C-alpha atoms as a PDB file:
ATOM      1  CA  UNK A   1     131.972  88.060  98.804  1.00  0.00           C
ATOM      2  CA  UNK A   2     129.057  86.251  97.378  1.00  0.00           C
ATOM      3  CA  UNK A   3     127.510  86.200 100.452  1.00  0.00           C
ATOM      4  CA  UNK A   4     127.951  90.084 100.930  1.00  0.00           C
ATOM      5  CA  UNK A   5     126.538  90.633  97.234  1.00  0.00           C
ATOM      6  CA  UNK A   6     123.651  88.127  98.134  1.00  0.00           C
ATOM      7  CA  UNK A   7     122.770  90.259 101.258  1.00  0.00           C
ATOM      8  CA  UNK A   8     123.081  93.345  99.456  1.00  0.00           C
ATOM      9  CA  UNK A   9     120.878  92.332  96.683  1.00  0.00           C
ATOM     10  CA  UNK A  10     118.182  91.134  99.286  1.00  0.00           C
ATOM     11  CA  UNK A  11     118.281  94.606 101.315  1.00  0.00           C
ATOM     12  CA  UNK A  12     117.853  96.408  98.155  1.00  0.00           C
ATOM     13  CA  UNK A  13     115.141  94.202  96.644  1.00  0.00           C
ATOM     14  CA  UNK A  14     113.351  94.753 100.364  1.00  0.00           C
ATOM     15  CA  UNK A  15     113.797  98.765 100.214  1.00  0.00           C
ATOM     16  CA  UNK A  16     112.530  98.652  96.482  1.00  0.00           C
ATOM     17  CA  UNK A  17     109.336  96.705  97.831  1.00  0.00           C
ATOM     18  CA  UNK A  18     108.690  99.189 100.628  1.00  0.00           C
ATOM     19  CA  UNK A  19     109.009 102.021  98.207  1.00  0.00           C
ATOM     20  CA  UNK A  20     106.380 100.602  96.128  1.00  0.00           C
ATOM     21  CA  UNK A  21     104.203  99.969  99.107  1.00  0.00           C
ATOM     22  CA  UNK A  22     104.871 103.548 100.167  1.00  0.00           C
ATOM     23  CA  UNK A  23     103.370 105.130  96.884  1.00  0.00           C
ATOM     24  CA  UNK A  24     100.282 102.522  96.828  1.00  0.00           C
ATOM     25  CA  UNK A  25     101.686  99.691  94.423  1.00  0.00           C
ATOM     26  CA  UNK A  26     101.805  96.035  95.338  1.00  0.00           C
ATOM     27  CA  UNK A  27     105.106  96.255  97.081  1.00  0.00           C
ATOM     28  CA  UNK A  28     104.215  93.680  99.661  1.00  0.00           C
ATOM     29  CA  UNK A  29     103.377  91.227  96.924  1.00  0.00           C
ATOM     30  CA  UNK A  30     106.634  91.971  95.427  1.00  0.00           C
ATOM     31  CA  UNK A  31     108.218  91.108  98.660  1.00  0.00           C
ATOM     32  CA  UNK A  32     106.381  87.877  98.738  1.00  0.00           C
ATOM     33  CA  UNK A  33     107.446  86.956  95.227  1.00  0.00           C
ATOM     34  CA  UNK A  34     110.968  87.859  95.774  1.00  0.00           C
ATOM     35  CA  UNK A  35     110.831  86.037  99.169  1.00  0.00           C
ATOM     36  CA  UNK A  36     109.248  82.796  97.269  1.00  0.00           C
ATOM     37  CA  UNK A  37     111.915  83.323  94.609  1.00  0.00           C
ATOM     38  CA  UNK A  38     114.906  83.460  96.956  1.00  0.00           C
ATOM     39  CA  UNK A  39     113.442  80.696  99.085  1.00  0.00           C
ATOM     40  CA  UNK A  40     113.508  77.982  96.112  1.00  0.00           C
ATOM     41  CA  UNK A  41     116.850  79.249  94.882  1.00  0.00           C
ATOM     42  CA  UNK A  42     118.293  78.373  98.363  1.00  0.00           C
ATOM     43  CA  UNK A  43     116.135  75.203  98.573  1.00  0.00           C
ATOM     44  CA  UNK A  44     113.856  76.936 101.194  1.00  0.00           C
ATOM     45  CA  UNK A  45     116.797  77.655 103.659  1.00  0.00           C
ATOM     46  CA  UNK A  46     116.885  81.366 103.568  1.00  0.00           C
ATOM     47  CA  UNK A  47     113.057  81.591 103.480  1.00  0.00           C
ATOM     48  CA  UNK A  48     111.344  78.448 104.571  1.00  0.00           C
ATOM     49  CA  UNK A  49     107.919  77.431 103.164  1.00  0.00           C
ATOM     50  CA  UNK A  50     106.255  78.851 106.466  1.00  0.00           C
ATOM     51  CA  UNK A  51     107.705  81.800 106.529  1.00  0.00           C
ATOM     52  CA  UNK A  52     106.656  82.417 102.940  1.00  0.00           C
ATOM     53  CA  UNK A  53     103.055  81.752 104.199  1.00  0.00           C
ATOM     54  CA  UNK A  54     103.449  84.038 107.037  1.00  0.00           C
ATOM     55  CA  UNK A  55     104.546  86.924 104.593  1.00  0.00           C
ATOM     56  CA  UNK A  56     101.667  86.246 102.499  1.00  0.00           C
ATOM     57  CA  UNK A  57      99.096  86.618 105.628  1.00  0.00           C
ATOM     58  CA  UNK A  58     100.978  89.822 106.688  1.00  0.00           C
ATOM     59  CA  UNK A  59     100.761  91.172 102.946  1.00  0.00           C
ATOM     60  CA  UNK A  60      96.997  90.384 102.814  1.00  0.00           C
ATOM     61  CA  UNK A  61      96.423  92.289 106.260  1.00  0.00           C
ATOM     62  CA  UNK A  62      98.288  95.027 104.552  1.00  0.00           C
ATOM     63  CA  UNK A  63      96.170  95.271 101.554  1.00  0.00           C
ATOM     64  CA  UNK A  64      92.717  94.884 103.930  1.00  0.00           C
ATOM     65  CA  UNK A  65      94.145  98.082 105.919  1.00  0.00           C
ATOM     66  CA  UNK A  66      95.014 100.123 103.086  1.00  0.00           C
ATOM     67  CA  UNK A  67      91.455  99.557 101.122  1.00  0.00           C
ATOM     68  CA  UNK A  68      89.242  99.837 104.086  1.00  0.00           C
ATOM     69  CA  UNK A  69      90.759 102.606 106.897  1.00  0.00           C
ATOM     70  CA  UNK A  70      89.482 105.344 104.687  1.00  0.00           C
ATOM     71  CA  UNK A  71      85.879 103.694 104.315  1.00  0.00           C
ATOM     72  CA  UNK A  72      85.690 103.023 107.953  1.00  0.00           C
ATOM     73  CA  UNK A  73      87.152 106.752 108.794  1.00  0.00           C
ATOM     74  CA  UNK A  74      84.507 108.106 106.646  1.00  0.00           C
ATOM     75  CA  UNK A  75      81.761 106.150 108.353  1.00  0.00           C
ATOM     76  CA  UNK A  76      83.021 107.237 111.741  1.00  0.00           C
ATOM     77  CA  UNK A  77      82.854 110.573 110.595  1.00  0.00           C
ATOM     78  CA  UNK A  78      79.253 110.346 109.980  1.00  0.00           C
ATOM     79  CA  UNK A  79      79.558 109.887 106.110  1.00  0.00           C
ATOM     80  CA  UNK A  80      77.220 107.511 104.028  1.00  0.00           C
ATOM     81  CA  UNK A  81      78.478 104.396 102.234  1.00  0.00           C
ATOM     82  CA  UNK A  82      78.496 106.226  98.992  1.00  0.00           C
ATOM     83  CA  UNK A  83      80.950 108.465 100.573  1.00  0.00           C
ATOM     84  CA  UNK A  84      83.035 105.305 101.651  1.00  0.00           C
ATOM     85  CA  UNK A  85      83.266 103.981  98.288  1.00  0.00           C
ATOM     86  CA  UNK A  86      83.806 107.475  96.825  1.00  0.00           C
ATOM     87  CA  UNK A  87      86.619 107.978  98.878  1.00  0.00           C
ATOM     88  CA  UNK A  88      87.944 104.233  97.977  1.00  0.00           C
ATOM     89  CA  UNK A  89      87.517 105.074  94.111  1.00  0.00           C
ATOM     90  CA  UNK A  90      88.721 108.833  94.503  1.00  0.00           C
ATOM     91  CA  UNK A  91      92.078 107.712  96.069  1.00  0.00           C
ATOM     92  CA  UNK A  92      92.842 105.135  93.307  1.00  0.00           C
ATOM     93  CA  UNK A  93      91.765 107.652  90.636  1.00  0.00           C
ATOM     94  CA  UNK A  94      93.548 110.515  91.993  1.00  0.00           C
ATOM     95  CA  UNK A  95      96.975 108.419  92.566  1.00  0.00           C
ATOM     96  CA  UNK A  96      97.067 107.818  88.863  1.00  0.00           C
ATOM     97  CA  UNK A  97      95.676 111.229  87.606  1.00  0.00           C
ATOM     98  CA  UNK A  98      97.958 113.468  89.737  1.00  0.00           C
ATOM     99  CA  UNK A  99     100.722 111.196  88.988  1.00  0.00           C
ATOM    100  CA  UNK A 100     100.782 112.408  85.446  1.00  0.00           C
ATOM    101  CA  UNK A 101      99.889 115.971  86.722  1.00  0.00           C
ATOM    102  CA  UNK A 102     102.710 116.171  89.390  1.00  0.00           C
ATOM    103  CA  UNK A 103     105.237 114.153  87.787  1.00  0.00           C
ATOM    104  CA  UNK A 104     107.622 113.750  91.164  1.00  0.00           C
ATOM    105  CA  UNK A 105     107.825 110.092  91.767  1.00  0.00           C
ATOM    106  CA  UNK A 106     106.469 109.234  95.279  1.00  0.00           C
ATOM    107  CA  UNK A 107     105.125 112.693  95.899  1.00  0.00           C
ATOM    108  CA  UNK A 108     102.821 112.854  93.068  1.00  0.00           C
ATOM    109  CA  UNK A 109     101.390 109.299  93.801  1.00  0.00           C
ATOM    110  CA  UNK A 110     100.910 109.992  97.649  1.00  0.00           C
ATOM    111  CA  UNK A 111      99.456 113.528  97.125  1.00  0.00           C
ATOM    112  CA  UNK A 112      97.311 112.172  94.341  1.00  0.00           C
ATOM    113  CA  UNK A 113      95.688 109.466  96.507  1.00  0.00           C
ATOM    114  CA  UNK A 114      95.012 111.880  99.726  1.00  0.00           C
ATOM    115  CA  UNK A 115      93.512 114.424  97.275  1.00  0.00           C
ATOM    116  CA  UNK A 116      91.488 111.956  95.231  1.00  0.00           C
ATOM    117  CA  UNK A 117      90.479 110.258  98.703  1.00  0.00           C
ATOM    118  CA  UNK A 118      89.190 113.678 100.119  1.00  0.00           C
ATOM    119  CA  UNK A 119      87.439 114.669  96.844  1.00  0.00           C
ATOM    120  CA  UNK A 120      85.719 111.365  96.149  1.00  0.00           C
ATOM    121  CA  UNK A 121      84.293 110.986  99.812  1.00  0.00           C
ATOM    122  CA  UNK A 122      83.155 114.476  99.897  1.00  0.00           C
ATOM    123  CA  UNK A 123      81.695 114.779  96.698  1.00  0.00           C
ATOM    124  CA  UNK A 124      80.066 111.727  97.303  1.00  0.00           C
ATOM    125  CA  UNK A 125      78.716 112.687 100.572  1.00  0.00           C
ATOM    126  CA  UNK A 126      77.442 115.971  99.234  1.00  0.00           C
ATOM    127  CA  UNK A 127      75.542 113.939  96.577  1.00  0.00           C
ATOM    128  CA  UNK A 128      73.718 112.358  99.495  1.00  0.00           C
ATOM    129  CA  UNK A 129      73.504 115.339 101.910  1.00  0.00           C
ATOM    130  CA  UNK A 130      73.766 119.030 100.584  1.00  0.00           C
ATOM    131  CA  UNK A 131      75.953 120.053 103.607  1.00  0.00           C
ATOM    132  CA  UNK A 132      79.226 121.479 102.510  1.00  0.00           C
ATOM    133  CA  UNK A 133      80.776 121.480 106.207  1.00  0.00           C
ATOM    134  CA  UNK A 134      79.887 118.064 106.866  1.00  0.00           C
ATOM    135  CA  UNK A 135      80.799 116.710 103.225  1.00  0.00           C
ATOM    136  CA  UNK A 136      84.238 118.388 103.884  1.00  0.00           C
ATOM    137  CA  UNK A 137      84.803 116.687 107.330  1.00  0.00           C
ATOM    138  CA  UNK A 138      83.864 113.312 105.777  1.00  0.00           C
ATOM    139  CA  UNK A 139      86.296 113.899 103.023  1.00  0.00           C
ATOM    140  CA  UNK A 140      89.159 114.836 105.668  1.00  0.00           C
ATOM    141  CA  UNK A 141      88.518 111.775 107.577  1.00  0.00           C
ATOM    142  CA  UNK A 142      88.448 109.589 104.518  1.00  0.00           C
ATOM    143  CA  UNK A 143      91.750 110.933 103.420  1.00  0.00           C
ATOM    144  CA  UNK A 144      93.282 110.747 106.899  1.00  0.00           C
ATOM    145  CA  UNK A 145      92.199 107.087 106.936  1.00  0.00           C
ATOM    146  CA  UNK A 146      93.685 106.650 103.886  1.00  0.00           C
ATOM    147  CA  UNK A 147      97.038 107.823 104.875  1.00  0.00           C
ATOM    148  CA  UNK A 148      97.080 105.687 108.101  1.00  0.00           C
ATOM    149  CA  UNK A 149      96.315 102.638 106.105  1.00  0.00           C
ATOM    150  CA  UNK A 150      99.188 103.486 103.937  1.00  0.00           C
ATOM    151  CA  UNK A 151     101.283 104.187 106.622  1.00  0.00           C
ATOM    152  CA  UNK A 152     100.211 100.769 108.278  1.00  0.00           C
ATOM    153  CA  UNK A 153     100.970  98.994 105.347  1.00  0.00           C
ATOM    154  CA  UNK A 154     104.291 100.256 104.847  1.00  0.00           C
ATOM    155  CA  UNK A 155     105.249  99.503 108.266  1.00  0.00           C
ATOM    156  CA  UNK A 156     103.983  95.910 107.478  1.00  0.00           C
ATOM    157  CA  UNK A 157     106.451  95.944 104.568  1.00  0.00           C
ATOM    158  CA  UNK A 158     109.196  96.697 106.880  1.00  0.00           C
ATOM    159  CA  UNK A 159     108.056  93.714 109.066  1.00  0.00           C
ATOM    160  CA  UNK A 160     108.197  91.635 106.104  1.00  0.00           C
ATOM    161  CA  UNK A 161     111.742  93.017 105.213  1.00  0.00           C
ATOM    162  CA  UNK A 162     112.974  92.063 108.454  1.00  0.00           C
ATOM    163  CA  UNK A 163     111.876  88.473 108.049  1.00  0.00           C
ATOM    164  CA  UNK A 164     113.470  88.099 104.604  1.00  0.00           C
ATOM    165  CA  UNK A 165     116.592  89.825 105.523  1.00  0.00           C
ATOM    166  CA  UNK A 166     116.835  87.714 108.812  1.00  0.00           C
ATOM    167  CA  UNK A 167     116.514  84.570 106.775  1.00  0.00           C
ATOM    168  CA  UNK A 168     119.271  85.930 104.383  1.00  0.00           C
ATOM    169  CA  UNK A 169     121.387  86.435 106.918  1.00  0.00           C
ATOM    170  CA  UNK A 170     120.812  83.075 108.806  1.00  0.00           C
ATOM    171  CA  UNK A 171     121.415  81.222 105.643  1.00  0.00           C
ATOM    172  CA  UNK A 172     124.330  82.779 104.719  1.00  0.00           C
ATOM    173  CA  UNK A 173     125.914  82.312 108.226  1.00  0.00           C
ATOM    174  CA  UNK A 174     124.943  78.598 108.023  1.00  0.00           C
ATOM    175  CA  UNK A 175     126.807  78.080 104.789  1.00  0.00           C
ATOM    176  CA  UNK A 176     129.828  79.954 106.125  1.00  0.00           C
ATOM    177  CA  UNK A 177     129.827  77.258 109.005  1.00  0.00           C
ATOM    178  CA  UNK A 178     129.759  74.424 106.450  1.00  0.00           C
ATOM    179  CA  UNK A 179     132.635  75.977 104.438  1.00  0.00           C
ATOM    180  CA  UNK A 180     134.744  76.156 107.632  1.00  0.00           C
ATOM    181  CA  UNK A 181     138.208  75.450 106.935  1.00  0.00           C
ATOM    182  CA  UNK A 182     139.637  71.905 108.510  1.00  0.00           C
ATOM    183  CA  UNK A 183     141.540  72.384 111.844  1.00  0.00           C
ATOM    184  CA  UNK A 184     145.192  71.958 111.110  1.00  0.00           C
ATOM    185  CA  UNK A 185     146.717  68.642 112.526  1.00  0.00           C
ATOM    186  CA  UNK A 186     148.553  68.870 115.427  1.00  0.00           C
ATOM    187  CA  UNK A 187     152.394  68.941 115.345  1.00  0.00           C
ATOM    188  CA  UNK A 188     153.125  66.206 117.800  1.00  0.00           C
ATOM    189  CA  UNK A 189     150.907  64.339 120.025  1.00  0.00           C
ATOM    190  CA  UNK A 190     151.708  64.132 123.743  1.00  0.00           C
ATOM    191  CA  UNK A 191     153.367  60.576 124.673  1.00  0.00           C
ATOM    192  CA  UNK A 192     153.995  59.510 120.875  1.00  0.00           C
ATOM    193  CA  UNK A 193     157.327  58.919 119.620  1.00  0.00           C
ATOM    194  CA  UNK A 194     159.036  61.587 117.426  1.00  0.00           C
END
């Protein structure tokens, strides 16, 4: 029963971390911290130190993807460096501001980040080149890049969750094997006297 509760708690923690990642909060780092705690509590049987290091590397890659895909997309659309930075800052500000104006969990944060990224990149590009169609195009690509980066980071959070849950399942199956009941003694041995 305790193994079932352990696996359930690990799965629930992973789902919460993935949800936090989807709303642009540090869910991947929560996964790393939770995996580290779980590994420590199980004497590094459920999550080994090398697995924890791998999870930290995946989390860092997720951060890089999330931060720079909007900037790269804005630049690919012909935007300036200012537009790339504007999209980055606008996405962060939009996530927080629209979360308060549209207080629907998850939806407000994601919509705010996308709208903020679009506006930040478009306004910044308009300050460099006073061309509305070009600024709008750069803003659109910055927002699209940010959405792709967030989706990639959520995908990485799911991969990390698989590692953690697999470690928990492996650990509980090993502990069940250790606690197997002893085999019953045979009733009679062949060739022995009754």
